[in-house]
């Protein structure tokens, strides 16, 4: 298909290439499934009528020690995105940095807590510096797989359910800019409950 206009939410329904598009989404987290079973699980998902895969990106696994990055084997995010594309699945990517996901510390790496002044999920410089370092590594792996580049990613989530936390009103704009400045061009979205949208949203 032509790639002129990606996912939009400018009307009562989503559109893709200006045509009505219904997102039938389901989550399979690559880091929770042995790589040998990825294709099987995604094919089962597609057989259920799902057209869009959503997955988190776990910072704590990709950077288990500060400055030490792992994108191999079960953590090969690019391979997972290529597989989704080959099976005809769209992708909504949820890169965090906080992902919740019923995961220890919401997917934040434990080494952050070695800073005794650490303020997680805020614009505290110790946290934002670490986020920037992680995003420098992970976002460049993501950008080639965006819809506009011929890839499967139709939307990217900004953080995760921040409205339920909302400790810093500058934090969500920081994360938004951290994504956009590194080349994320697809539709940005948030995941919040009704009340959380008032605090967890960001302009645009």
Protein backbone atom coordinates (compact mmCIF):
# COMPACT_ATOMS: atom_id res chain seq x y z
CA UNK A 1 0.00 0.00 0.00
CA UNK A 2 1.08 3.60 -0.49
CA UNK A 3 2.52 5.38 2.54
CA UNK A 4 1.23 8.96 2.40
CA UNK A 5 -0.66 9.43 5.68
CA UNK A 6 -0.28 7.26 8.74
CA UNK A 7 -2.63 6.67 11.64
CA UNK A 8 -4.67 9.74 12.54
CA UNK A 9 -7.23 10.49 15.26
CA UNK A 10 -8.69 13.69 13.87
CA UNK A 11 -12.29 12.51 13.67
CA UNK A 12 -14.70 10.18 15.45
CA UNK A 13 -12.69 7.23 14.17
CA UNK A 14 -9.09 6.41 13.43
CA UNK A 15 -7.96 6.70 9.84
CA UNK A 16 -5.04 5.19 7.98
CA UNK A 17 -4.34 6.70 4.56
CA UNK A 18 -7.48 8.78 5.23
CA UNK A 19 -9.59 5.60 5.26
CA UNK A 20 -11.49 4.44 8.38
CA UNK A 21 -9.29 2.09 10.39
CA UNK A 22 -10.39 -0.05 13.30
CA UNK A 23 -7.61 -1.05 15.67
CA UNK A 24 -8.12 -4.62 16.84
CA UNK A 25 -5.18 -4.82 19.20
CA UNK A 26 -3.59 -7.40 21.41
CA UNK A 27 -0.39 -7.56 23.42
CA UNK A 28 2.42 -10.06 23.12
CA UNK A 29 5.59 -8.95 24.90
CA UNK A 30 8.65 -10.25 23.08
CA UNK A 31 10.70 -10.36 26.27
CA UNK A 32 8.21 -12.71 27.93
CA UNK A 33 8.09 -15.25 25.11
CA UNK A 34 10.97 -17.52 24.01
CA UNK A 35 12.09 -16.32 20.60
CA UNK A 36 11.43 -19.73 19.07
CA UNK A 37 7.72 -19.21 19.83
CA UNK A 38 7.36 -15.63 18.61
CA UNK A 39 5.98 -16.55 15.20
CA UNK A 40 3.62 -19.16 16.60
CA UNK A 41 2.17 -16.70 19.11
CA UNK A 42 1.75 -13.91 16.58
CA UNK A 43 0.10 -16.25 14.07
CA UNK A 44 -2.35 -17.37 16.78
CA UNK A 45 -3.01 -13.73 17.54
CA UNK A 46 -3.69 -12.96 13.89
CA UNK A 47 -5.97 -16.00 13.63
CA UNK A 48 -8.13 -14.37 16.33
CA UNK A 49 -8.74 -11.43 13.98
CA UNK A 50 -6.28 -9.07 15.63
CA UNK A 51 -4.61 -6.62 13.25
CA UNK A 52 -2.39 -4.66 15.64
CA UNK A 53 0.32 -5.90 18.00
CA UNK A 54 1.19 -3.85 21.05
CA UNK A 55 4.35 -4.39 23.04
CA UNK A 56 6.30 -2.68 25.76
CA UNK A 57 10.07 -2.15 25.66
CA UNK A 58 11.61 -3.14 29.02
CA UNK A 59 14.39 -0.74 29.97
CA UNK A 60 15.58 -2.95 32.85
CA UNK A 61 16.31 -5.86 30.52
CA UNK A 62 17.81 -3.82 27.70
CA UNK A 63 20.15 -1.94 30.06
CA UNK A 64 20.68 -4.28 33.03
CA UNK A 65 23.72 -2.29 34.15
CA UNK A 66 24.23 1.36 33.42
CA UNK A 67 25.78 1.74 30.00
CA UNK A 68 25.56 -2.00 29.23
CA UNK A 69 22.95 -2.69 26.56
CA UNK A 70 21.44 -5.96 25.36
CA UNK A 71 19.35 -6.38 22.21
CA UNK A 72 20.13 -10.04 21.53
CA UNK A 73 18.05 -13.24 21.48
CA UNK A 74 14.70 -12.67 23.28
CA UNK A 75 15.57 -8.97 23.44
CA UNK A 76 16.05 -8.50 19.68
CA UNK A 77 13.39 -5.84 19.26
CA UNK A 78 14.23 -5.22 15.61
CA UNK A 79 13.76 -8.88 14.74
CA UNK A 80 10.39 -8.81 16.50
CA UNK A 81 9.28 -5.77 14.52
CA UNK A 82 10.41 -7.39 11.27
CA UNK A 83 8.47 -10.53 12.14
CA UNK A 84 5.31 -8.55 12.89
CA UNK A 85 5.63 -6.79 9.54
CA UNK A 86 6.17 -10.05 7.67
CA UNK A 87 2.97 -11.44 9.19
CA UNK A 88 0.95 -8.37 8.25
CA UNK A 89 0.51 -7.00 11.76
CA UNK A 90 0.61 -3.30 12.60
CA UNK A 91 2.45 -2.31 15.77
CA UNK A 92 1.76 0.14 18.57
CA UNK A 93 5.05 0.45 20.42
CA UNK A 94 5.22 1.33 24.10
CA UNK A 95 8.85 2.25 24.86
CA UNK A 96 8.31 3.70 28.31
CA UNK A 97 10.64 4.48 29.99
CA UNK A 98 8.21 3.31 32.69
CA UNK A 99 6.03 0.48 31.40
CA UNK A 100 4.24 -0.92 34.48
CA UNK A 101 3.41 -4.29 32.83
CA UNK A 102 3.22 -5.93 36.27
CA UNK A 103 7.02 -5.84 36.05
CA UNK A 104 9.54 -5.11 38.81
CA UNK A 105 9.79 -1.32 39.30
CA UNK A 106 7.63 -0.93 36.20
CA UNK A 107 10.54 -1.88 33.97
CA UNK A 108 12.85 0.80 35.33
CA UNK A 109 16.37 -0.55 35.97
CA UNK A 110 17.23 -1.04 39.62
CA UNK A 111 20.60 0.68 39.23
CA UNK A 112 18.75 4.00 39.10
CA UNK A 113 18.22 3.63 42.84
CA UNK A 114 21.96 3.80 43.54
CA UNK A 115 21.45 7.56 43.32
CA UNK A 116 20.23 8.38 46.81
CA UNK A 117 18.52 11.52 45.50
CA UNK A 118 16.76 9.71 42.65
CA UNK A 119 13.27 10.89 41.80
CA UNK A 120 11.80 8.38 39.36
CA UNK A 121 9.48 9.54 36.59
CA UNK A 122 10.33 13.21 37.05
CA UNK A 123 12.61 15.73 35.37
CA UNK A 124 15.25 15.19 38.05
CA UNK A 125 18.50 15.33 36.07
CA UNK A 126 19.75 11.96 37.30
CA UNK A 127 16.63 10.36 35.84
CA UNK A 128 16.41 12.36 32.62
CA UNK A 129 20.10 11.79 31.87
CA UNK A 130 19.56 8.04 32.20
CA UNK A 131 16.41 8.17 30.04
CA UNK A 132 18.25 10.13 27.36
CA UNK A 133 21.08 7.59 27.33
CA UNK A 134 18.63 4.69 26.97
CA UNK A 135 16.54 6.45 24.31
CA UNK A 136 19.71 7.25 22.35
CA UNK A 137 20.20 3.49 21.98
CA UNK A 138 16.67 2.20 21.60
CA UNK A 139 14.91 4.87 19.51
CA UNK A 140 17.40 4.60 16.65
CA UNK A 141 16.47 0.92 16.44
CA UNK A 142 12.79 1.84 16.26
CA UNK A 143 12.69 4.70 13.76
CA UNK A 144 13.38 2.62 10.61
CA UNK A 145 10.31 0.51 11.39
CA UNK A 146 7.84 3.39 11.47
CA UNK A 147 4.90 3.42 9.07
CA UNK A 148 6.30 6.40 7.19
CA UNK A 149 9.48 4.41 6.53
CA UNK A 150 7.57 1.38 5.24
CA UNK A 151 7.49 -0.37 8.60
CA UNK A 152 4.68 -1.68 10.84
CA UNK A 153 4.75 0.93 13.65
CA UNK A 154 1.63 3.09 13.38
CA UNK A 155 1.75 4.70 16.84
CA UNK A 156 4.08 5.17 19.80
CA UNK A 157 3.01 5.56 23.41
CA UNK A 158 4.39 8.39 25.53
CA UNK A 159 5.30 6.86 28.92
CA UNK A 160 2.57 4.77 30.56
CA UNK A 161 -0.39 5.76 32.74
CA UNK A 162 1.43 8.83 34.03
CA UNK A 163 -1.84 10.46 35.02
CA UNK A 164 -2.10 8.01 37.92
CA UNK A 165 1.30 9.20 39.17
CA UNK A 166 1.67 12.80 37.95
CA UNK A 167 4.49 14.05 40.16
CA UNK A 168 5.99 16.50 37.66
CA UNK A 169 4.06 18.54 35.09
CA UNK A 170 7.19 18.94 32.96
CA UNK A 171 7.82 15.20 32.69
CA UNK A 172 5.40 14.21 29.94
CA UNK A 173 6.51 17.07 27.65
CA UNK A 174 10.10 15.93 28.28
CA UNK A 175 9.31 12.36 27.20
CA UNK A 176 7.35 13.57 24.18
CA UNK A 177 10.28 15.71 23.08
CA UNK A 178 12.72 12.90 23.78
CA UNK A 179 10.83 10.75 21.28
CA UNK A 180 10.21 13.41 18.63
CA UNK A 181 13.75 14.77 18.71
CA UNK A 182 15.07 11.28 17.96
CA UNK A 183 12.92 10.85 14.88
CA UNK A 184 9.59 9.45 16.06
CA UNK A 185 7.03 10.80 13.59
CA UNK A 186 4.03 8.49 14.01
CA UNK A 187 0.93 9.21 16.07
CA UNK A 188 1.76 9.69 19.75
CA UNK A 189 -0.67 8.43 22.35
CA UNK A 190 -1.08 8.03 26.07
CA UNK A 191 -2.63 5.25 28.10
CA UNK A 192 -4.61 6.57 31.04
CA UNK A 193 -7.91 6.11 32.78
CA UNK A 194 -10.57 8.83 32.54
CA UNK A 195 -9.33 10.85 35.49
CA UNK A 196 -5.70 10.24 34.59
CA UNK A 197 -6.12 11.82 31.17
CA UNK A 198 -6.36 15.24 32.85
CA UNK A 199 -2.84 14.82 34.25
CA UNK A 200 -1.22 12.29 31.96
CA UNK A 201 -1.92 13.89 28.62
CA UNK A 202 0.38 16.22 26.72
CA UNK A 203 -0.41 18.82 24.08
CA UNK A 204 -0.92 17.13 20.72
